[in-house]
């Protein structure tokens, strides 16, 4: 049976503390800054333009594409975190 030396025990505890702290820190969502918010809107706009230009059915199976774009654009405005914004983009 292998025993931990005091140095190894302290090293293990410090490593465990750093690991747990990094996990806890990830639980706190960070707010989007202006650059991230603009980028999310650019992604949505590019998606809208590409679908409108390239989609095979010009009527989009009866879906009002402009209304959908406005709806998701408004949802992006209220997304508090980058993760919430990506969720909106995935829904669009």
N, C-alpha and C. Protein backbone atom coordinates (compact mmCIF):
# COMPACT_ATOMS: atom_id res chain seq x y z
N UNK A 1 0.84 -1.17 0.00
CA UNK A 1 0.00 0.00 0.00
C UNK A 1 0.89 1.24 0.00
N UNK A 2 0.51 2.19 -0.83
CA UNK A 2 1.33 3.39 -0.98
C UNK A 2 0.70 4.52 -0.17
N UNK A 3 1.50 5.16 0.67
CA UNK A 3 1.02 6.26 1.49
C UNK A 3 1.43 7.59 0.88
N UNK A 4 0.60 8.57 1.11
CA UNK A 4 0.94 9.91 0.64
C UNK A 4 1.88 10.58 1.62
N UNK A 5 2.90 11.19 1.09
CA UNK A 5 3.77 12.00 1.94
C UNK A 5 3.05 13.31 2.21
N UNK A 6 3.45 14.03 3.23
CA UNK A 6 2.79 15.31 3.51
C UNK A 6 2.83 16.26 2.30
N UNK A 7 3.94 16.26 1.58
CA UNK A 7 4.06 17.12 0.41
C UNK A 7 3.05 16.72 -0.66
N UNK A 8 2.92 15.41 -0.92
CA UNK A 8 1.95 14.94 -1.91
C UNK A 8 0.52 15.21 -1.47
N UNK A 9 0.25 15.05 -0.20
CA UNK A 9 -1.10 15.31 0.31
C UNK A 9 -1.47 16.78 0.12
N UNK A 10 -0.54 17.68 0.43
CA UNK A 10 -0.80 19.10 0.25
C UNK A 10 -0.95 19.43 -1.22
N UNK A 11 -0.10 18.85 -2.06
CA UNK A 11 -0.19 19.07 -3.51
C UNK A 11 -1.53 18.59 -4.04
N UNK A 12 -1.96 17.42 -3.58
CA UNK A 12 -3.23 16.88 -4.01
C UNK A 12 -4.38 17.80 -3.59
N UNK A 13 -4.37 18.27 -2.35
CA UNK A 13 -5.44 19.16 -1.86
C UNK A 13 -5.46 20.47 -2.64
N UNK A 14 -4.29 21.03 -2.91
CA UNK A 14 -4.24 22.27 -3.68
C UNK A 14 -4.74 22.05 -5.10
N UNK A 15 -4.36 20.96 -5.72
CA UNK A 15 -4.82 20.66 -7.07
C UNK A 15 -6.33 20.46 -7.09
N UNK A 16 -6.85 19.75 -6.12
CA UNK A 16 -8.29 19.53 -6.03
C UNK A 16 -9.03 20.85 -5.83
N UNK A 17 -8.47 21.72 -5.00
CA UNK A 17 -9.07 23.03 -4.76
C UNK A 17 -9.11 23.86 -6.03
N UNK A 18 -8.03 23.86 -6.80
CA UNK A 18 -7.98 24.61 -8.06
C UNK A 18 -8.98 24.03 -9.05
N UNK A 19 -9.06 22.71 -9.12
CA UNK A 19 -10.00 22.05 -10.04
C UNK A 19 -11.44 22.40 -9.69
N UNK A 20 -11.81 22.29 -8.43
CA UNK A 20 -13.18 22.59 -8.00
C UNK A 20 -13.48 24.07 -8.22
N UNK A 21 -12.53 24.93 -7.94
CA UNK A 21 -12.74 26.37 -8.14
C UNK A 21 -12.99 26.69 -9.60
N UNK A 22 -12.29 26.00 -10.50
CA UNK A 22 -12.50 26.26 -11.92
C UNK A 22 -13.87 25.79 -12.37
N UNK A 23 -14.37 24.71 -11.81
CA UNK A 23 -15.70 24.23 -12.14
C UNK A 23 -16.76 25.20 -11.62
N UNK A 24 -16.60 25.65 -10.39
CA UNK A 24 -17.55 26.59 -9.80
C UNK A 24 -17.55 27.90 -10.57
N UNK A 25 -16.38 28.35 -11.00
CA UNK A 25 -16.28 29.60 -11.75
C UNK A 25 -17.02 29.51 -13.07
N UNK A 26 -17.07 28.32 -13.67
CA UNK A 26 -17.76 28.15 -14.93
C UNK A 26 -19.28 28.20 -14.77
N UNK A 27 -19.77 27.97 -13.56
CA UNK A 27 -21.20 28.00 -13.33
C UNK A 27 -21.76 29.42 -13.39
N UNK A 28 -20.90 30.42 -13.17
CA UNK A 28 -21.36 31.80 -13.22
C UNK A 28 -21.36 32.26 -14.67
N UNK A 29 -22.53 32.48 -15.24
CA UNK A 29 -22.57 32.92 -16.64
C UNK A 29 -22.06 34.34 -16.78
N UNK A 30 -21.27 34.56 -17.80
CA UNK A 30 -20.77 35.90 -18.02
C UNK A 30 -21.67 36.60 -19.02
N UNK A 31 -21.76 37.90 -18.87
CA UNK A 31 -22.63 38.68 -19.75
C UNK A 31 -21.94 38.90 -21.08
N UNK A 32 -22.75 39.08 -22.12
CA UNK A 32 -22.21 39.34 -23.44
C UNK A 32 -21.71 40.77 -23.53
N UNK A 33 -20.58 40.95 -24.15
CA UNK A 33 -20.13 42.31 -24.41
C UNK A 33 -20.66 42.75 -25.78
N UNK A 34 -20.43 44.00 -26.13
CA UNK A 34 -20.99 44.57 -27.35
C UNK A 34 -20.49 43.85 -28.60
N UNK A 35 -19.22 43.47 -28.61
CA UNK A 35 -18.65 42.78 -29.78
C UNK A 35 -19.32 41.43 -29.98
N UNK A 36 -19.51 40.69 -28.89
CA UNK A 36 -20.18 39.39 -29.00
C UNK A 36 -21.62 39.54 -29.46
N UNK A 37 -22.30 40.55 -28.94
CA UNK A 37 -23.69 40.78 -29.34
C UNK A 37 -23.78 41.12 -30.83
N UNK A 38 -22.89 41.97 -31.29
CA UNK A 38 -22.88 42.31 -32.72
C UNK A 38 -22.59 41.09 -33.57
N UNK A 39 -21.67 40.25 -33.13
CA UNK A 39 -21.32 39.04 -33.87
C UNK A 39 -22.51 38.09 -33.97
N UNK A 40 -23.27 37.95 -32.91
CA UNK A 40 -24.44 37.08 -32.94
C UNK A 40 -25.47 37.60 -33.95
N UNK A 41 -25.65 38.92 -33.98
CA UNK A 41 -26.58 39.51 -34.95
C UNK A 41 -26.07 39.32 -36.38
N UNK A 42 -24.76 39.38 -36.57
CA UNK A 42 -24.18 39.14 -37.90
C UNK A 42 -24.42 37.71 -38.35
N UNK A 43 -24.26 36.77 -37.43
CA UNK A 43 -24.49 35.35 -37.77
C UNK A 43 -25.94 35.15 -38.19
N UNK A 44 -26.88 35.73 -37.43
CA UNK A 44 -28.29 35.59 -37.77
C UNK A 44 -28.59 36.24 -39.13
N UNK A 45 -28.02 37.42 -39.36
CA UNK A 45 -28.27 38.12 -40.63
C UNK A 45 -27.72 37.32 -41.81
N UNK A 46 -26.51 36.77 -41.67
CA UNK A 46 -25.91 35.96 -42.74
C UNK A 46 -26.75 34.71 -43.01
N UNK A 47 -27.26 34.11 -41.95
CA UNK A 47 -28.12 32.94 -42.11
C UNK A 47 -29.39 33.32 -42.87
N UNK A 48 -29.99 34.44 -42.49
CA UNK A 48 -31.20 34.93 -43.16
C UNK A 48 -30.93 35.17 -44.65
N UNK A 49 -29.85 35.86 -44.97
CA UNK A 49 -29.52 36.18 -46.36
C UNK A 49 -29.27 34.90 -47.16
N UNK A 50 -28.53 33.96 -46.58
CA UNK A 50 -28.23 32.71 -47.28
C UNK A 50 -29.49 31.91 -47.54
N UNK A 51 -30.35 31.79 -46.54
CA UNK A 51 -31.60 31.03 -46.73
C UNK A 51 -32.46 31.70 -47.78
N UNK A 52 -32.59 33.02 -47.68
CA UNK A 52 -33.44 33.74 -48.63
C UNK A 52 -32.92 33.59 -50.07
N UNK A 53 -31.61 33.57 -50.22
CA UNK A 53 -31.00 33.49 -51.55
C UNK A 53 -30.94 32.06 -52.08
N UNK A 54 -30.64 31.09 -51.23
CA UNK A 54 -30.31 29.75 -51.69
C UNK A 54 -31.39 28.69 -51.48
N UNK A 55 -32.39 28.96 -50.65
CA UNK A 55 -33.37 27.92 -50.34
C UNK A 55 -34.19 27.58 -51.59
N UNK A 56 -34.45 26.31 -51.79
CA UNK A 56 -35.07 25.84 -53.03
C UNK A 56 -36.53 26.26 -53.19
N UNK A 57 -37.23 26.51 -52.10
CA UNK A 57 -38.65 26.88 -52.18
C UNK A 57 -38.78 28.38 -51.91
N UNK A 58 -39.10 29.18 -52.94
CA UNK A 58 -39.16 30.63 -52.74
C UNK A 58 -40.26 31.08 -51.77
N UNK A 59 -41.23 30.20 -51.49
CA UNK A 59 -42.28 30.56 -50.53
C UNK A 59 -41.94 30.06 -49.12
N UNK A 60 -40.81 29.36 -48.97
CA UNK A 60 -40.34 28.83 -47.68
C UNK A 60 -41.41 28.00 -46.98
N UNK A 61 -42.15 27.23 -47.77
CA UNK A 61 -43.23 26.36 -47.26
C UNK A 61 -44.25 27.14 -46.43
N UNK A 62 -44.50 28.39 -46.86
CA UNK A 62 -45.50 29.20 -46.19
C UNK A 62 -45.02 29.94 -44.95
N UNK A 63 -43.75 29.84 -44.63
CA UNK A 63 -43.21 30.52 -43.44
C UNK A 63 -42.85 31.95 -43.83
N UNK A 64 -43.22 32.90 -42.98
CA UNK A 64 -42.86 34.30 -43.20
C UNK A 64 -41.42 34.48 -42.69
N UNK A 65 -40.47 34.43 -43.62
CA UNK A 65 -39.06 34.47 -43.26
C UNK A 65 -38.69 35.79 -42.57
N UNK A 66 -39.22 36.90 -43.06
CA UNK A 66 -38.91 38.20 -42.46
C UNK A 66 -39.39 38.28 -41.01
N UNK A 67 -40.59 37.76 -40.77
CA UNK A 67 -41.13 37.75 -39.40
C UNK A 67 -40.28 36.89 -38.49
N UNK A 68 -39.86 35.74 -38.99
CA UNK A 68 -38.99 34.87 -38.19
C UNK A 68 -37.67 35.57 -37.87
N UNK A 69 -37.11 36.24 -38.86
CA UNK A 69 -35.85 36.96 -38.66
C UNK A 69 -36.03 38.02 -37.58
N UNK A 70 -37.11 38.81 -37.65
CA UNK A 70 -37.36 39.86 -36.64
C UNK A 70 -37.54 39.25 -35.25
N UNK A 71 -38.25 38.12 -35.18
CA UNK A 71 -38.50 37.46 -33.90
C UNK A 71 -37.18 37.04 -33.24
N UNK A 72 -36.33 36.36 -34.01
CA UNK A 72 -35.08 35.89 -33.44
C UNK A 72 -34.10 37.03 -33.21
N UNK A 73 -34.17 38.09 -34.00
CA UNK A 73 -33.33 39.25 -33.78
C UNK A 73 -33.69 39.91 -32.45
N UNK A 74 -34.98 40.00 -32.14
CA UNK A 74 -35.42 40.56 -30.86
C UNK A 74 -35.00 39.66 -29.70
N UNK A 75 -35.06 38.35 -29.90
CA UNK A 75 -34.63 37.43 -28.85
C UNK A 75 -33.13 37.57 -28.60
N UNK A 76 -32.36 37.82 -29.65
CA UNK A 76 -30.92 38.04 -29.46
C UNK A 76 -30.67 39.30 -28.63
N UNK A 77 -31.50 40.32 -28.82
CA UNK A 77 -31.34 41.56 -28.05
C UNK A 77 -31.51 41.32 -26.56
N UNK A 78 -32.34 40.36 -26.20
CA UNK A 78 -32.59 40.11 -24.78
C UNK A 78 -31.78 38.94 -24.22
N UNK A 79 -30.92 38.33 -25.03
CA UNK A 79 -30.10 37.21 -24.54
C UNK A 79 -29.03 37.75 -23.58
N UNK A 80 -29.03 37.27 -22.34
CA UNK A 80 -28.10 37.82 -21.34
C UNK A 80 -26.67 37.27 -21.44
N UNK A 81 -26.53 36.07 -22.01
CA UNK A 81 -25.21 35.43 -22.05
C UNK A 81 -24.93 34.91 -23.46
N UNK A 82 -23.65 34.67 -23.78
CA UNK A 82 -23.33 34.08 -25.08
C UNK A 82 -24.01 32.74 -25.28
N UNK A 83 -24.12 31.96 -24.23
CA UNK A 83 -24.77 30.65 -24.35
C UNK A 83 -26.25 30.80 -24.70
N UNK A 84 -26.92 31.77 -24.11
CA UNK A 84 -28.34 32.02 -24.43
C UNK A 84 -28.47 32.51 -25.88
N UNK A 85 -27.52 33.31 -26.33
CA UNK A 85 -27.55 33.81 -27.71
C UNK A 85 -27.35 32.65 -28.70
N UNK A 86 -26.43 31.75 -28.39
CA UNK A 86 -26.24 30.59 -29.27
C UNK A 86 -27.48 29.71 -29.30
N UNK A 87 -28.16 29.64 -28.17
CA UNK A 87 -29.41 28.88 -28.13
C UNK A 87 -30.44 29.48 -29.07
N UNK A 88 -30.53 30.81 -29.10
CA UNK A 88 -31.45 31.50 -30.02
C UNK A 88 -31.06 31.20 -31.45
N UNK A 89 -29.75 31.24 -31.74
CA UNK A 89 -29.29 30.98 -33.10
C UNK A 89 -29.60 29.53 -33.52
N UNK A 90 -29.51 28.62 -32.59
CA UNK A 90 -29.82 27.23 -32.91
C UNK A 90 -31.31 27.04 -33.21
N UNK A 91 -32.15 27.85 -32.58
CA UNK A 91 -33.58 27.76 -32.81
C UNK A 91 -33.98 28.38 -34.14
N UNK A 92 -33.20 29.33 -34.63
CA UNK A 92 -33.58 30.06 -35.84
C UNK A 92 -33.45 29.20 -37.07
